[in-house]
């Protein structure tokens, strides 16, 4: 059996930016990692990973962090530099499909006429005949 290689990925630029903002605000308030960790219910090591951008801060923890650090959650995104590629794509091109893929059978189907009497046509005010 082969050994499993551990893939180490680089921090996401947005995660790293938010982590730096968390560290900045925490230090401005004179708060330690342990204090923030206790308020969030995570370990100090986890807070360190958030601040380094190694772990993504989930939405719940981001809202809790904003409350503990006494800022609006949008503060973490202020002054964020624009992505190098010009941002996220506005639309995604849909692959072209042939008509046969969308409508597998072009053969006309025979539909059976349903008499209004089968649906209680008389109660609906329709004549049966």
Protein backbone atom coordinates (compact mmCIF):
# COMPACT_ATOMS: atom_id res chain seq x y z
CA UNK A 1 0.00 0.00 0.00
CA UNK A 2 1.35 3.41 -0.95
CA UNK A 3 1.92 6.16 1.57
CA UNK A 4 -0.51 9.04 1.51
CA UNK A 5 1.04 12.39 0.74
CA UNK A 6 -0.28 15.38 2.62
CA UNK A 7 -1.09 18.27 0.33
CA UNK A 8 -0.28 21.62 1.87
CA UNK A 9 -2.19 24.40 0.21
CA UNK A 10 -1.47 28.08 0.26
CA UNK A 11 -3.80 30.34 2.25
CA UNK A 12 -6.61 31.88 0.25
CA UNK A 13 -6.02 35.63 -0.22
CA UNK A 14 -9.46 36.54 1.16
CA UNK A 15 -9.04 34.28 4.19
CA UNK A 16 -5.62 35.80 4.86
CA UNK A 17 -7.00 39.33 4.55
CA UNK A 18 -9.87 38.66 6.97
CA UNK A 19 -7.42 36.99 9.36
CA UNK A 20 -5.19 40.07 9.33
CA UNK A 21 -8.23 42.25 10.06
CA UNK A 22 -9.16 40.02 13.01
CA UNK A 23 -5.63 40.24 14.41
CA UNK A 24 -5.53 44.02 13.88
CA UNK A 25 -8.78 44.64 15.75
CA UNK A 26 -7.90 42.17 18.51
CA UNK A 27 -4.58 43.93 19.13
CA UNK A 28 -6.20 47.39 19.02
CA UNK A 29 -8.49 46.25 21.84
CA UNK A 30 -5.54 44.73 23.73
CA UNK A 31 -7.20 41.31 23.64
CA UNK A 32 -5.24 38.08 23.72
CA UNK A 33 -5.78 35.07 21.49
CA UNK A 34 -7.02 33.08 24.48
CA UNK A 35 -9.71 35.64 25.30
CA UNK A 36 -11.03 35.68 21.75
CA UNK A 37 -10.85 31.89 21.57
CA UNK A 38 -12.85 31.50 24.78
CA UNK A 39 -15.53 33.88 23.48
CA UNK A 40 -15.79 31.92 20.21
CA UNK A 41 -15.64 28.51 21.84
CA UNK A 42 -12.51 27.45 19.94
CA UNK A 43 -8.88 26.96 20.90
CA UNK A 44 -6.23 29.68 20.80
CA UNK A 45 -4.50 27.64 18.10
CA UNK A 46 -7.66 27.84 15.98
CA UNK A 47 -7.74 31.64 16.38
CA UNK A 48 -4.08 31.70 15.31
CA UNK A 49 -4.98 29.67 12.19
CA UNK A 50 -7.82 32.09 11.41
CA UNK A 51 -5.47 35.05 11.75
CA UNK A 52 -2.84 33.44 9.53
CA UNK A 53 -5.44 32.61 6.90
CA UNK A 54 -4.77 28.89 7.23
CA UNK A 55 -8.38 28.21 8.20
CA UNK A 56 -11.51 29.81 6.82
CA UNK A 57 -13.68 31.57 9.37
CA UNK A 58 -17.22 30.23 9.07
CA UNK A 59 -20.08 32.73 8.96
CA UNK A 60 -21.22 32.02 12.52
CA UNK A 61 -17.74 32.56 13.93
CA UNK A 62 -17.27 35.68 11.82
CA UNK A 63 -20.47 37.17 13.27
CA UNK A 64 -19.43 36.16 16.79
CA UNK A 65 -15.95 37.60 16.21
CA UNK A 66 -17.46 40.88 15.03
CA UNK A 67 -19.58 41.05 18.18
CA UNK A 68 -16.66 40.26 20.49
CA UNK A 69 -14.38 42.73 18.68
CA UNK A 70 -17.15 45.37 18.69
CA UNK A 71 -17.31 45.94 14.94
CA UNK A 72 -19.88 45.30 12.22
CA UNK A 73 -19.11 42.11 10.30
CA UNK A 74 -18.64 44.14 7.11
CA UNK A 75 -15.60 45.77 8.73
CA UNK A 76 -13.62 42.60 7.98
CA UNK A 77 -14.14 43.19 4.26
CA UNK A 78 -13.44 46.93 4.15
CA UNK A 79 -10.39 48.01 2.20
CA UNK A 80 -10.09 44.57 0.63
CA UNK A 81 -8.03 44.81 -2.54
CA UNK A 82 -9.71 43.81 -5.79
CA UNK A 83 -8.81 40.33 -7.03
CA UNK A 84 -6.06 40.20 -9.66
CA UNK A 85 -8.36 38.70 -12.28
CA UNK A 86 -10.79 41.63 -12.11
CA UNK A 87 -13.20 39.93 -9.73
CA UNK A 88 -15.55 37.03 -10.02
CA UNK A 89 -17.11 36.35 -13.38
CA UNK A 90 -20.52 37.95 -13.73
CA UNK A 91 -21.96 35.13 -15.80
CA UNK A 92 -20.97 31.60 -16.53
CA UNK A 93 -21.29 30.46 -20.10
CA UNK A 94 -23.63 27.52 -20.42
CA UNK A 95 -22.39 24.71 -22.64
CA UNK A 96 -24.19 24.36 -25.94
CA UNK A 97 -26.54 21.44 -26.14
CA UNK A 98 -28.01 19.84 -29.18
CA UNK A 99 -31.75 19.70 -29.56
CA UNK A 100 -31.68 15.93 -29.18
CA UNK A 101 -30.08 16.29 -25.74
CA UNK A 102 -32.76 18.60 -24.44
CA UNK A 103 -35.69 16.94 -26.21
CA UNK A 104 -34.74 13.28 -26.57
CA UNK A 105 -37.76 12.34 -28.61
CA UNK A 106 -39.29 14.53 -31.30
CA UNK A 107 -41.99 11.97 -32.04
CA UNK A 108 -45.47 13.34 -31.38
CA UNK A 109 -47.26 11.67 -28.55
CA UNK A 110 -50.89 10.76 -28.78
CA UNK A 111 -52.81 12.32 -25.99
CA UNK A 112 -56.03 10.82 -24.87
CA UNK A 113 -58.93 13.22 -24.62
CA UNK A 114 -60.49 13.21 -21.19
CA UNK A 115 -64.21 13.67 -21.12
CA UNK A 116 -65.42 16.31 -18.71
CA UNK A 117 -67.72 13.73 -17.12
CA UNK A 118 -64.71 11.83 -15.81
CA UNK A 119 -63.70 14.93 -13.88
CA UNK A 120 -67.21 15.57 -12.68
CA UNK A 121 -67.87 17.96 -15.52
CA UNK A 122 -71.42 18.52 -14.46
CA UNK A 123 -70.33 19.81 -11.09
CA UNK A 124 -67.92 22.21 -12.80
CA UNK A 125 -70.69 23.57 -14.98
CA UNK A 126 -69.44 21.85 -18.12
CA UNK A 127 -71.67 19.92 -20.45
CA UNK A 128 -70.83 16.33 -21.18
CA UNK A 129 -72.12 16.12 -24.50
